[in-house]
Amino acid sequence: MAKALVFIDNPGTALKKSSLELLTIARSLGEAVVAVNGELHDDVAAALGAHGASVLYRPSATDLDDYLVGPKAAYLAAAVEASGAGTVLLENTADGKEIAARLGVKLNAGVITDVVGVDADGTAHKSVLAGSYTTTAKARTAVAVLTVKPNSVDVEAPAASGTPEAVTIDVPADATANAARVTGRAEKPASGRPELTEARIVVAGGRGVDGDFGPLEELADALGGALGASRAATDAGWIGHDYQVGQTGKTVSPQLYISAGISGAIQQKAGMQTSKVIVAINKDAESPIFEIADFGIIGDLFKVVPQATEEIKKRKG
């Protein structure tokens, strides 16, 4: 049976939905095996087994996070060799893409990024040209490396679960990969909202908020969603760049994306166009965002958003 290797980097105390999506895809391709980096909690190991992982690889080295992504790529290359996997699945993050690129070079493998779906035969569906088109691609090499956007597939658990076999992988020493060391980290303050790239609901604001994200924060909290922003809003200093959605920011694919005061330039569309339902609020009826919106409201966001928030709160109790 074909094998698909899923890479999970620092899972924490619970598996993210994006990791479960990768496991769902892996099982559709054959036998799912997992390579984990970082501390592994018992609950995470149990969840991996519950979602079909047959083998759990762990690196012999415990300092992979002390460097940039080079050692992680070396670890994955060794895991691919040990498992015989024909497909490697990673998250479509900045680190995930860089690891995928390095892994492609090491394994002479085809690399496909921005994947939003994978067929049982390994054909990948991906967003291209700033999200304007969806294409299909399939690696013709012995190993395919895919980075998958979050919220792209529905999570499914297998009918039967078990305990994955634990295997330790020796990470080959590489002076070049270890040439740069991470000297410090600062934890981002928790907002209480979901991680932007993981959220099922995103409320995003742009130039039209004129520096006031308060109404959008209230709406996001009422919906249990994450807060996002356009580049214009982050460049203006109204909100941190961690909230930026777009071609030069984060890519999101939630079930519901609410765009308020965002014109919908192609760079912004690139980061959210694969959202399942898009609701646009803008005073300008000619804004490009209305071209891709499922529902559009032409009006002042400072009047529309508070009304929506009030109604949602009423319905919630």
Protein backbone atom coordinates (compact mmCIF):
# COMPACT_ATOMS: atom_id res chain seq x y z
CA MET A 1 0.00 0.00 0.00
CA ALA A 2 1.19 3.51 -0.82
CA LYS A 3 2.24 5.62 2.13
CA ALA A 4 1.77 9.33 2.81
CA LEU A 5 3.92 11.10 5.39
CA VAL A 6 2.41 13.99 7.37
CA PHE A 7 4.75 16.47 9.07
CA ILE A 8 3.49 18.01 12.31
CA ASP A 9 5.73 20.67 13.82
CA ASN A 10 5.35 21.39 17.54
CA PRO A 11 1.74 20.18 17.98
CA GLY A 12 1.41 21.49 21.54
CA THR A 13 -1.21 19.91 23.80
CA ALA A 14 -3.81 19.30 21.08
CA LEU A 15 -3.75 18.66 17.34
CA LYS A 16 -4.77 21.59 15.18
CA LYS A 17 -7.58 21.16 12.69
CA SER A 18 -5.09 21.68 9.86
CA SER A 19 -3.09 18.65 11.09
CA LEU A 20 -6.24 16.53 11.13
CA GLU A 21 -6.97 17.67 7.58
CA LEU A 22 -3.52 16.48 6.48
CA LEU A 23 -4.19 13.09 8.12
CA THR A 24 -7.52 12.87 6.29
CA ILE A 25 -5.78 13.49 2.97
CA ALA A 26 -2.99 11.03 3.83
CA ARG A 27 -5.47 8.22 4.48
CA SER A 28 -7.17 8.91 1.16
CA LEU A 29 -3.79 8.29 -0.52
CA GLY A 30 -2.97 5.07 1.35
CA GLU A 31 -1.35 4.39 4.71
CA ALA A 32 -0.85 7.48 6.87
CA VAL A 33 2.45 7.85 8.74
CA VAL A 34 3.46 10.88 10.78
CA ALA A 35 6.73 12.69 11.53
CA VAL A 36 6.48 14.92 14.61
CA ASN A 37 8.94 17.52 15.81
CA GLY A 38 8.83 18.95 19.31
CA GLU A 39 7.28 17.82 22.58
CA LEU A 40 4.70 15.06 22.14
CA HIS A 41 1.90 14.90 24.71
CA ASP A 42 0.05 11.66 25.36
CA ASP A 43 -3.24 13.19 24.17
CA VAL A 44 -1.64 14.16 20.86
CA ALA A 45 -0.19 10.67 20.36
CA ALA A 46 -3.61 9.17 21.09
CA ALA A 47 -5.28 11.58 18.65
CA LEU A 48 -2.80 10.62 15.94
CA GLY A 49 -3.74 6.97 16.41
CA ALA A 50 -7.43 7.83 16.44
CA HIS A 51 -7.04 9.56 13.09
CA GLY A 52 -5.31 6.68 11.38
CA ALA A 53 -1.55 7.19 11.86
CA SER A 54 0.10 3.76 11.73
CA VAL A 55 3.68 4.88 12.44
CA LEU A 56 4.91 7.82 14.50
CA TYR A 57 8.42 9.07 13.69
CA ARG A 58 10.41 11.14 16.17
CA PRO A 59 13.83 12.77 15.61
CA SER A 60 16.81 11.61 17.63
CA ALA A 61 17.88 15.26 17.93
CA THR A 62 15.96 17.44 20.37
CA ASP A 63 17.33 20.79 19.19
CA LEU A 64 15.75 21.16 15.74
CA ASP A 65 13.93 24.30 16.87
CA ASP A 66 17.25 25.93 17.79
CA TYR A 67 17.97 26.45 14.08
CA LEU A 68 16.14 27.57 10.97
CA VAL A 69 14.25 25.01 8.87
CA GLY A 70 17.28 23.20 7.40
CA PRO A 71 17.53 20.49 10.09
CA LYS A 72 13.78 19.85 9.87
CA ALA A 73 14.09 19.23 6.13
CA ALA A 74 16.95 16.81 6.82
CA TYR A 75 14.82 15.01 9.41
CA LEU A 76 11.91 14.71 6.97
CA ALA A 77 14.18 13.41 4.22
CA ALA A 78 15.39 10.67 6.58
CA ALA A 79 11.77 9.90 7.56
CA VAL A 80 10.78 9.56 3.90
CA GLU A 81 13.64 7.13 3.33
CA ALA A 82 12.71 5.08 6.42
CA SER A 83 9.00 4.96 5.61
CA GLY A 84 9.11 4.63 1.85
CA ALA A 85 6.41 7.30 1.58
CA GLY A 86 5.51 8.48 -1.90
CA THR A 87 3.80 11.68 -0.71
CA VAL A 88 4.78 14.21 1.95
CA LEU A 89 2.12 16.58 3.30
CA LEU A 90 2.91 19.84 5.12
CA GLU A 91 0.95 22.90 6.16
CA ASN A 92 0.93 25.76 3.65
CA THR A 93 2.78 28.16 5.96
CA ALA A 94 5.97 30.13 5.33
CA ASP A 95 8.00 27.47 7.17
CA GLY A 96 6.07 24.66 5.50
CA LYS A 97 6.82 26.00 2.03
CA GLU A 98 10.50 26.49 2.79
CA ILE A 99 10.82 22.99 4.24
CA ALA A 100 9.01 21.62 1.18
CA ALA A 101 11.43 23.41 -1.16
CA ARG A 102 14.48 22.07 0.67
CA LEU A 103 12.97 18.60 0.80
CA GLY A 104 12.29 18.73 -2.93
CA VAL A 105 15.97 19.41 -3.58
CA LYS A 106 17.12 16.65 -1.21
CA LEU A 107 14.78 14.02 -2.68
CA ASN A 108 14.61 15.25 -6.29
CA ALA A 109 10.86 15.44 -5.63
CA GLY A 110 8.12 17.43 -7.28
CA VAL A 111 6.84 20.21 -5.01
CA ILE A 112 3.30 21.61 -5.21
CA THR A 113 2.26 24.50 -2.95
CA ASP A 114 -1.06 26.26 -2.23
CA VAL A 115 -2.94 22.98 -2.49
CA VAL A 116 -6.68 23.09 -1.73
CA GLY A 117 -7.53 19.46 -2.48
CA VAL A 118 -5.93 16.13 -3.35
CA ASP A 119 -7.49 13.29 -5.36
CA ALA A 120 -6.96 9.64 -4.45
CA ASP A 121 -4.45 9.28 -7.31
CA GLY A 122 -2.31 12.14 -5.95
CA THR A 123 -3.57 14.83 -8.31
CA ALA A 124 -3.44 18.14 -6.47
CA HIS A 125 -5.82 21.06 -6.91
CA LYS A 126 -4.16 24.42 -6.23
CA SER A 127 -4.79 28.15 -6.36
CA VAL A 128 -2.67 30.09 -8.85
CA LEU A 129 -2.25 33.62 -10.18
CA ALA A 130 -3.18 35.29 -6.89
CA GLY A 131 -6.18 33.01 -6.49
CA SER A 132 -7.71 33.90 -9.85
CA TYR A 133 -7.67 30.28 -11.05
CA THR A 134 -7.65 26.76 -9.67
CA THR A 135 -5.48 24.27 -11.53
CA THR A 136 -4.63 20.59 -11.21
CA ALA A 137 -1.10 19.27 -11.00
CA LYS A 138 0.55 15.93 -10.35
CA ALA A 139 4.20 15.27 -9.56
CA ARG A 140 5.88 12.84 -11.96
CA THR A 141 8.67 12.04 -9.52
CA ALA A 142 8.94 9.10 -7.13
CA VAL A 143 8.09 11.39 -4.21
CA ALA A 144 5.61 14.29 -4.23
CA VAL A 145 5.78 17.08 -1.64
CA LEU A 146 2.53 19.02 -1.10
CA THR A 147 1.76 22.01 1.12
CA VAL A 148 -1.97 22.22 1.88
CA LYS A 149 -3.98 25.30 2.80
CA PRO A 150 -5.98 25.00 6.04
CA ASN A 151 -9.76 24.55 5.92
CA SER A 152 -9.45 22.90 2.51
CA VAL A 153 -10.98 19.50 3.36
CA ASP A 154 -13.46 18.14 5.87
CA VAL A 155 -11.84 16.23 8.73
CA GLU A 156 -12.79 12.55 8.81
CA ALA A 157 -11.76 9.92 11.34
CA PRO A 158 -11.36 6.27 10.34
CA ALA A 159 -13.82 3.65 11.52
CA ALA A 160 -11.08 1.85 13.45
CA SER A 161 -8.19 3.37 15.39
CA GLY A 162 -5.06 2.05 17.01
CA THR A 163 -1.76 2.98 18.61
CA PRO A 164 0.90 4.09 16.12
CA GLU A 165 4.25 2.33 16.15
CA ALA A 166 6.96 4.64 17.53
CA VAL A 167 10.17 4.91 15.49
CA THR A 168 13.18 7.15 16.16
CA ILE A 169 14.90 8.76 13.17
CA ASP A 170 18.56 9.78 13.23
CA VAL A 171 18.95 13.29 11.88
CA PRO A 172 22.09 13.57 9.72
CA ALA A 173 24.51 16.32 10.73
CA ASP A 174 24.65 19.17 8.24
CA ALA A 175 27.02 22.06 8.96
CA THR A 176 25.31 24.27 6.38
CA ALA A 177 21.81 23.68 7.78
CA ASN A 178 23.07 24.40 11.30
CA ALA A 179 24.98 27.52 10.34
CA ALA A 180 22.30 29.92 11.64
CA ARG A 181 20.99 29.54 15.20
CA VAL A 182 17.83 31.03 16.69
CA THR A 183 18.94 33.27 19.55
CA GLY A 184 15.60 34.21 21.06
CA ARG A 185 11.82 33.97 20.87
CA ALA A 186 8.96 36.09 22.20
CA GLU A 187 5.53 34.56 22.64
CA LYS A 188 2.69 36.47 21.03
CA PRO A 189 0.08 37.63 23.59
CA ALA A 190 -3.06 35.50 23.38
CA SER A 191 -6.18 37.30 22.16
CA GLY A 192 -8.66 34.59 23.05
CA ARG A 193 -9.68 34.33 19.41
CA PRO A 194 -8.89 31.41 17.07
CA GLU A 195 -5.65 31.40 15.10
CA LEU A 196 -6.29 33.35 11.88
CA THR A 197 -5.28 30.59 9.47
CA GLU A 198 -7.25 27.97 11.46
CA ALA A 199 -10.47 29.92 12.04
CA ARG A 200 -13.75 28.81 10.51
CA ILE A 201 -14.96 32.43 10.60
CA VAL A 202 -12.87 35.50 9.79
CA VAL A 203 -13.93 39.14 10.07
CA ALA A 204 -11.53 41.41 8.19
CA GLY A 205 -11.26 45.17 7.88
CA GLY A 206 -9.46 47.47 5.49
CA ARG A 207 -8.93 51.12 4.72
CA GLY A 208 -12.63 51.76 5.32
CA VAL A 209 -12.34 51.18 9.09
CA ASP A 210 -10.30 54.42 9.28
CA GLY A 211 -8.28 53.10 12.20
CA ASP A 212 -11.21 51.80 14.28
CA PHE A 213 -11.36 48.00 14.41
CA GLY A 214 -13.63 48.05 17.48
CA PRO A 215 -16.90 47.13 15.70
CA LEU A 216 -15.16 44.32 13.80
CA GLU A 217 -13.63 42.94 17.00
CA GLU A 218 -17.09 42.84 18.60
CA LEU A 219 -18.52 41.04 15.56
CA ALA A 220 -15.64 38.54 15.49
CA ASP A 221 -16.12 37.81 19.20
CA ALA A 222 -19.88 37.40 18.78
CA LEU A 223 -19.29 34.86 16.00
CA GLY A 224 -16.37 33.13 17.73
CA GLY A 225 -14.16 34.07 14.80
CA ALA A 226 -10.74 35.54 14.10
CA LEU A 227 -9.87 39.11 13.17
CA GLY A 228 -8.11 39.91 9.89
CA ALA A 229 -7.02 42.98 7.95
CA SER A 230 -5.91 44.19 4.55
CA ARG A 231 -2.39 45.40 3.86
CA ALA A 232 -3.60 49.00 3.76
CA ALA A 233 -4.80 48.71 7.36
CA THR A 234 -1.62 47.07 8.63
CA ASP A 235 0.66 49.47 6.75
CA ALA A 236 -1.25 52.37 8.30
CA GLY A 237 -0.37 50.99 11.74
CA TRP A 238 -3.99 50.45 12.76
CA ILE A 239 -3.39 46.76 13.49
CA GLY A 240 -0.41 44.40 13.58
CA HIS A 241 0.96 42.75 10.45
CA ASP A 242 0.16 39.34 11.98
CA TYR A 243 -3.45 40.06 11.05
CA GLN A 244 -2.76 40.72 7.37
CA VAL A 245 -4.63 38.57 4.86
CA GLY A 246 -3.47 38.58 1.26
CA GLN A 247 -0.74 37.78 -1.20
CA THR A 248 1.95 39.19 1.10
CA GLY A 249 0.15 38.17 4.29
CA LYS A 250 -1.62 35.06 5.51
CA THR A 251 -3.81 32.81 3.41
CA VAL A 252 -7.14 31.85 4.93
CA SER A 253 -9.94 29.60 3.73
CA PRO A 254 -12.70 29.80 6.36
CA GLN A 255 -16.30 28.69 6.09
CA LEU A 256 -17.33 32.35 6.42
CA TYR A 257 -15.26 35.44 5.50
CA ILE A 258 -16.71 38.86 6.27
CA SER A 259 -14.95 41.71 4.48
CA ALA A 260 -15.67 45.20 5.81
CA GLY A 261 -14.27 48.32 4.24
CA ILE A 262 -11.93 46.38 1.93
CA SER A 263 -11.91 47.22 -1.78
CA GLY A 264 -10.91 43.71 -2.84
CA ALA A 265 -7.75 44.34 -4.86
CA ILE A 266 -6.19 41.23 -6.40
CA GLN A 267 -3.50 41.07 -3.69
CA GLN A 268 -6.18 40.79 -1.00
CA LYS A 269 -8.26 38.31 -2.95
CA ALA A 270 -5.26 36.01 -3.17
CA GLY A 271 -5.39 35.40 0.57
CA MET A 272 -9.11 34.70 0.99
CA GLN A 273 -10.68 33.80 -2.35
CA THR A 274 -11.07 30.12 -1.45
CA SER A 275 -13.34 30.99 1.51
CA LYS A 276 -16.56 28.99 1.34
CA VAL A 277 -18.90 31.98 1.83
CA ILE A 278 -17.81 35.61 1.37
CA VAL A 279 -19.86 38.52 2.72
CA ALA A 280 -18.72 42.00 1.62
CA ILE A 281 -19.63 45.31 3.27
CA ASN A 282 -18.56 48.45 1.43
CA LYS A 283 -19.95 51.91 0.67
CA ASP A 284 -18.63 51.78 -2.90
CA ALA A 285 -20.93 49.68 -5.08
CA GLU A 286 -18.15 49.40 -7.68
CA SER A 287 -15.62 47.79 -5.30
CA PRO A 288 -13.97 44.69 -6.85
CA ILE A 289 -14.79 42.69 -3.71
CA PHE A 290 -18.40 42.43 -4.85
CA GLU A 291 -17.26 40.46 -7.91
CA ILE A 292 -16.36 37.45 -5.74
CA ALA A 293 -18.73 37.98 -2.81
CA ASP A 294 -21.58 35.54 -2.26
CA PHE A 295 -23.50 38.26 -0.40
CA GLY A 296 -22.91 42.01 -0.65
CA ILE A 297 -24.06 44.91 1.50
CA ILE A 298 -23.63 48.41 0.10
CA GLY A 299 -23.47 50.62 3.15
CA ASP A 300 -21.47 52.17 5.96
CA LEU A 301 -19.72 49.42 7.93
CA PHE A 302 -20.08 51.50 11.12
CA LYS A 303 -23.85 51.19 10.76
CA VAL A 304 -24.08 47.69 9.30
CA VAL A 305 -21.60 45.83 11.53
CA PRO A 306 -23.03 46.92 14.93
CA GLN A 307 -26.54 45.93 13.77
CA ALA A 308 -25.27 42.51 12.72
CA THR A 309 -23.44 42.07 16.03
CA GLU A 310 -26.55 43.03 18.03
CA GLU A 311 -28.72 40.60 16.08
CA ILE A 312 -26.22 37.75 16.49
CA LYS A 313 -26.05 38.34 20.24
CA LYS A 314 -29.87 38.27 20.45
CA ARG A 315 -30.04 34.96 18.60
CA LYS A 316 -27.34 33.46 20.79
CA GLY A 317 -29.39 34.08 23.86
